[in-house]
N, C-alpha and C. Protein backbone atom coordinates (compact mmCIF):
# COMPACT_ATOMS: atom_id res chain seq x y z
N UNK A 1 -12.72 -16.36 -23.54
CA UNK A 1 -14.13 -16.52 -23.26
C UNK A 1 -14.34 -16.85 -21.78
N UNK A 2 -15.26 -16.20 -21.20
CA UNK A 2 -15.62 -16.46 -19.81
C UNK A 2 -16.84 -17.37 -19.82
N UNK A 3 -16.75 -18.48 -19.08
CA UNK A 3 -17.83 -19.46 -19.02
C UNK A 3 -18.59 -19.33 -17.70
N UNK A 4 -19.91 -19.29 -17.82
CA UNK A 4 -20.78 -19.22 -16.65
C UNK A 4 -21.35 -20.61 -16.37
N UNK A 5 -21.82 -20.85 -15.15
CA UNK A 5 -22.34 -22.18 -14.80
C UNK A 5 -23.48 -22.67 -15.71
N UNK A 6 -24.25 -21.75 -16.26
CA UNK A 6 -25.36 -22.16 -17.14
C UNK A 6 -24.91 -22.41 -18.57
N UNK A 7 -23.59 -22.48 -18.78
CA UNK A 7 -22.95 -22.76 -20.08
C UNK A 7 -22.91 -21.54 -21.00
N UNK A 8 -23.38 -20.39 -20.52
CA UNK A 8 -23.26 -19.16 -21.28
C UNK A 8 -21.79 -18.79 -21.39
N UNK A 9 -21.40 -18.30 -22.56
CA UNK A 9 -20.02 -17.86 -22.75
C UNK A 9 -20.03 -16.40 -23.18
N UNK A 10 -19.14 -15.63 -22.59
CA UNK A 10 -19.06 -14.20 -22.88
C UNK A 10 -17.62 -13.85 -23.24
N UNK A 11 -17.48 -13.13 -24.33
CA UNK A 11 -16.14 -12.68 -24.74
C UNK A 11 -15.77 -11.45 -23.90
N UNK A 12 -14.59 -11.50 -23.30
CA UNK A 12 -14.10 -10.36 -22.52
C UNK A 12 -12.70 -9.99 -23.01
N UNK A 13 -12.50 -8.73 -23.19
CA UNK A 13 -11.21 -8.23 -23.67
C UNK A 13 -10.16 -8.32 -22.58
N UNK A 14 -9.03 -8.92 -22.90
CA UNK A 14 -7.88 -8.92 -22.00
C UNK A 14 -7.90 -9.93 -20.87
N UNK A 15 -8.85 -10.85 -20.85
CA UNK A 15 -8.96 -11.77 -19.72
C UNK A 15 -7.71 -12.62 -19.54
N UNK A 16 -7.22 -13.23 -20.60
CA UNK A 16 -6.03 -14.09 -20.47
C UNK A 16 -4.82 -13.29 -19.99
N UNK A 17 -4.66 -12.10 -20.50
CA UNK A 17 -3.55 -11.24 -20.09
C UNK A 17 -3.66 -10.89 -18.60
N UNK A 18 -4.86 -10.57 -18.17
CA UNK A 18 -5.07 -10.20 -16.77
C UNK A 18 -4.79 -11.39 -15.85
N UNK A 19 -5.28 -12.57 -16.22
CA UNK A 19 -5.03 -13.76 -15.41
C UNK A 19 -3.54 -14.06 -15.34
N UNK A 20 -2.85 -13.92 -16.46
CA UNK A 20 -1.40 -14.16 -16.48
C UNK A 20 -0.67 -13.17 -15.59
N UNK A 21 -1.07 -11.91 -15.65
CA UNK A 21 -0.44 -10.89 -14.81
C UNK A 21 -0.64 -11.18 -13.32
N UNK A 22 -1.88 -11.50 -12.95
CA UNK A 22 -2.17 -11.79 -11.55
C UNK A 22 -1.42 -13.02 -11.06
N UNK A 23 -1.33 -14.02 -11.92
CA UNK A 23 -0.60 -15.24 -11.56
C UNK A 23 0.88 -14.92 -11.35
N UNK A 24 1.45 -14.12 -12.24
CA UNK A 24 2.86 -13.76 -12.09
C UNK A 24 3.10 -12.88 -10.86
N UNK A 25 2.08 -12.19 -10.41
CA UNK A 25 2.17 -11.38 -9.19
C UNK A 25 1.97 -12.23 -7.94
N UNK A 26 1.63 -13.50 -8.13
CA UNK A 26 1.43 -14.40 -7.00
C UNK A 26 0.11 -14.22 -6.28
N UNK A 27 -0.87 -13.62 -6.97
CA UNK A 27 -2.17 -13.37 -6.34
C UNK A 27 -2.93 -14.67 -6.13
N UNK A 28 -3.53 -14.80 -4.96
CA UNK A 28 -4.33 -15.98 -4.62
C UNK A 28 -5.76 -15.80 -5.11
N UNK A 29 -6.45 -16.90 -5.39
CA UNK A 29 -7.85 -16.80 -5.83
C UNK A 29 -8.77 -16.51 -4.64
N UNK A 30 -9.11 -15.25 -4.47
CA UNK A 30 -9.97 -14.85 -3.35
C UNK A 30 -10.82 -13.64 -3.77
N UNK A 31 -11.62 -13.13 -2.85
CA UNK A 31 -12.51 -12.01 -3.15
C UNK A 31 -11.76 -10.78 -3.64
N UNK A 32 -10.65 -10.48 -3.01
CA UNK A 32 -9.89 -9.30 -3.40
C UNK A 32 -9.34 -9.42 -4.82
N UNK A 33 -8.87 -10.60 -5.15
CA UNK A 33 -8.34 -10.82 -6.50
C UNK A 33 -9.45 -10.73 -7.53
N UNK A 34 -10.63 -11.26 -7.22
CA UNK A 34 -11.75 -11.17 -8.15
C UNK A 34 -12.14 -9.70 -8.38
N UNK A 35 -12.13 -8.92 -7.32
CA UNK A 35 -12.41 -7.48 -7.48
C UNK A 35 -11.37 -6.83 -8.39
N UNK A 36 -10.13 -7.21 -8.22
CA UNK A 36 -9.05 -6.68 -9.06
C UNK A 36 -9.25 -7.10 -10.52
N UNK A 37 -9.67 -8.33 -10.74
CA UNK A 37 -9.94 -8.79 -12.11
C UNK A 37 -11.05 -7.94 -12.72
N UNK A 38 -12.12 -7.72 -11.98
CA UNK A 38 -13.22 -6.89 -12.48
C UNK A 38 -12.74 -5.48 -12.82
N UNK A 39 -11.95 -4.88 -11.93
CA UNK A 39 -11.43 -3.54 -12.19
C UNK A 39 -10.58 -3.50 -13.46
N UNK A 40 -9.72 -4.50 -13.62
CA UNK A 40 -8.86 -4.54 -14.80
C UNK A 40 -9.66 -4.80 -16.07
N UNK A 41 -10.68 -5.64 -15.96
CA UNK A 41 -11.53 -5.89 -17.14
C UNK A 41 -12.22 -4.61 -17.58
N UNK A 42 -12.71 -3.83 -16.63
CA UNK A 42 -13.37 -2.58 -16.97
C UNK A 42 -12.39 -1.60 -17.61
N UNK A 43 -11.13 -1.63 -17.21
CA UNK A 43 -10.11 -0.78 -17.83
C UNK A 43 -9.81 -1.22 -19.27
N UNK A 44 -10.13 -2.49 -19.58
CA UNK A 44 -9.97 -3.01 -20.94
C UNK A 44 -11.26 -2.84 -21.75
N UNK A 45 -12.10 -1.89 -21.33
CA UNK A 45 -13.34 -1.55 -22.03
C UNK A 45 -14.37 -2.67 -22.07
N UNK A 46 -14.41 -3.47 -21.01
CA UNK A 46 -15.47 -4.47 -20.87
C UNK A 46 -16.56 -3.86 -20.00
N UNK A 47 -17.79 -3.97 -20.47
CA UNK A 47 -18.92 -3.50 -19.67
C UNK A 47 -19.47 -4.67 -18.88
N UNK A 48 -19.53 -4.51 -17.59
CA UNK A 48 -20.08 -5.54 -16.71
C UNK A 48 -21.30 -4.92 -16.03
N UNK A 49 -22.49 -5.38 -16.41
CA UNK A 49 -23.70 -4.80 -15.84
C UNK A 49 -23.74 -4.97 -14.33
N UNK A 50 -24.14 -3.94 -13.62
CA UNK A 50 -24.23 -4.04 -12.16
C UNK A 50 -25.07 -5.23 -11.70
N UNK A 51 -26.12 -5.53 -12.44
CA UNK A 51 -27.00 -6.64 -12.07
C UNK A 51 -26.35 -8.01 -12.24
N UNK A 52 -25.22 -8.06 -12.96
CA UNK A 52 -24.56 -9.33 -13.24
C UNK A 52 -23.22 -9.47 -12.51
N UNK A 53 -22.87 -8.52 -11.69
CA UNK A 53 -21.55 -8.55 -11.05
C UNK A 53 -21.33 -9.80 -10.19
N UNK A 54 -22.35 -10.23 -9.48
CA UNK A 54 -22.22 -11.42 -8.64
C UNK A 54 -21.90 -12.64 -9.49
N UNK A 55 -22.61 -12.78 -10.61
CA UNK A 55 -22.37 -13.91 -11.50
C UNK A 55 -20.98 -13.84 -12.12
N UNK A 56 -20.56 -12.63 -12.48
CA UNK A 56 -19.21 -12.45 -13.04
C UNK A 56 -18.16 -12.83 -12.00
N UNK A 57 -18.34 -12.39 -10.77
CA UNK A 57 -17.37 -12.70 -9.71
C UNK A 57 -17.21 -14.20 -9.55
N UNK A 58 -18.32 -14.90 -9.51
CA UNK A 58 -18.29 -16.35 -9.36
C UNK A 58 -17.57 -17.01 -10.53
N UNK A 59 -17.92 -16.60 -11.75
CA UNK A 59 -17.31 -17.17 -12.95
C UNK A 59 -15.83 -16.82 -13.04
N UNK A 60 -15.46 -15.60 -12.66
CA UNK A 60 -14.06 -15.19 -12.71
C UNK A 60 -13.22 -15.91 -11.67
N UNK A 61 -13.78 -16.15 -10.51
CA UNK A 61 -13.04 -16.88 -9.48
C UNK A 61 -12.75 -18.30 -9.97
N UNK A 62 -13.75 -18.95 -10.55
CA UNK A 62 -13.55 -20.30 -11.08
C UNK A 62 -12.53 -20.28 -12.22
N UNK A 63 -12.62 -19.29 -13.08
CA UNK A 63 -11.70 -19.18 -14.22
C UNK A 63 -10.26 -19.00 -13.72
N UNK A 64 -10.08 -18.18 -12.70
CA UNK A 64 -8.73 -17.96 -12.18
C UNK A 64 -8.20 -19.21 -11.49
N UNK A 65 -9.05 -19.90 -10.73
CA UNK A 65 -8.64 -21.16 -10.10
C UNK A 65 -8.23 -22.18 -11.16
N UNK A 66 -9.01 -22.28 -12.23
CA UNK A 66 -8.68 -23.20 -13.33
C UNK A 66 -7.36 -22.80 -13.98
N UNK A 67 -7.15 -21.50 -14.14
CA UNK A 67 -5.92 -21.00 -14.74
C UNK A 67 -4.71 -21.41 -13.89
N UNK A 68 -4.82 -21.24 -12.59
CA UNK A 68 -3.74 -21.60 -11.67
C UNK A 68 -3.47 -23.11 -11.74
N UNK A 69 -4.52 -23.90 -11.70
CA UNK A 69 -4.36 -25.36 -11.75
C UNK A 69 -3.69 -25.79 -13.05
N UNK A 70 -4.06 -25.17 -14.14
CA UNK A 70 -3.46 -25.49 -15.44
C UNK A 70 -1.97 -25.16 -15.45
N UNK A 71 -1.60 -24.04 -14.89
CA UNK A 71 -0.19 -23.64 -14.84
C UNK A 71 0.61 -24.59 -13.96
N UNK A 72 0.03 -24.98 -12.85
CA UNK A 72 0.73 -25.90 -11.94
C UNK A 72 0.91 -27.28 -12.59
N UNK A 73 -0.10 -27.72 -13.34
CA UNK A 73 0.01 -29.01 -14.03
C UNK A 73 1.09 -28.97 -15.11
N UNK A 74 1.23 -27.85 -15.79
CA UNK A 74 2.25 -27.70 -16.83
C UNK A 74 3.64 -27.70 -16.22
N UNK A 75 3.75 -27.24 -14.98
CA UNK A 75 5.03 -27.16 -14.32
C UNK A 75 5.55 -28.54 -13.87
N UNK A 76 4.63 -29.49 -13.77
CA UNK A 76 5.01 -30.83 -13.29
C UNK A 76 5.70 -31.65 -14.34
């Protein structure tokens, strides 16, 4: 589930797999990585409305940062 700042939650296909892949590739949480996440989500048959892309980018960046922090905490 992808969480937006307004507490809206959206189910997206393949999100955990994509985040895991990017993390294993050593990708940093930045604009380029967020674009890559969007591209991969669309390949997993997720429709992202053009009018909502900015909100998705923001939510995905936070989600990826949280994912990285969680992995680093588990490693400690």
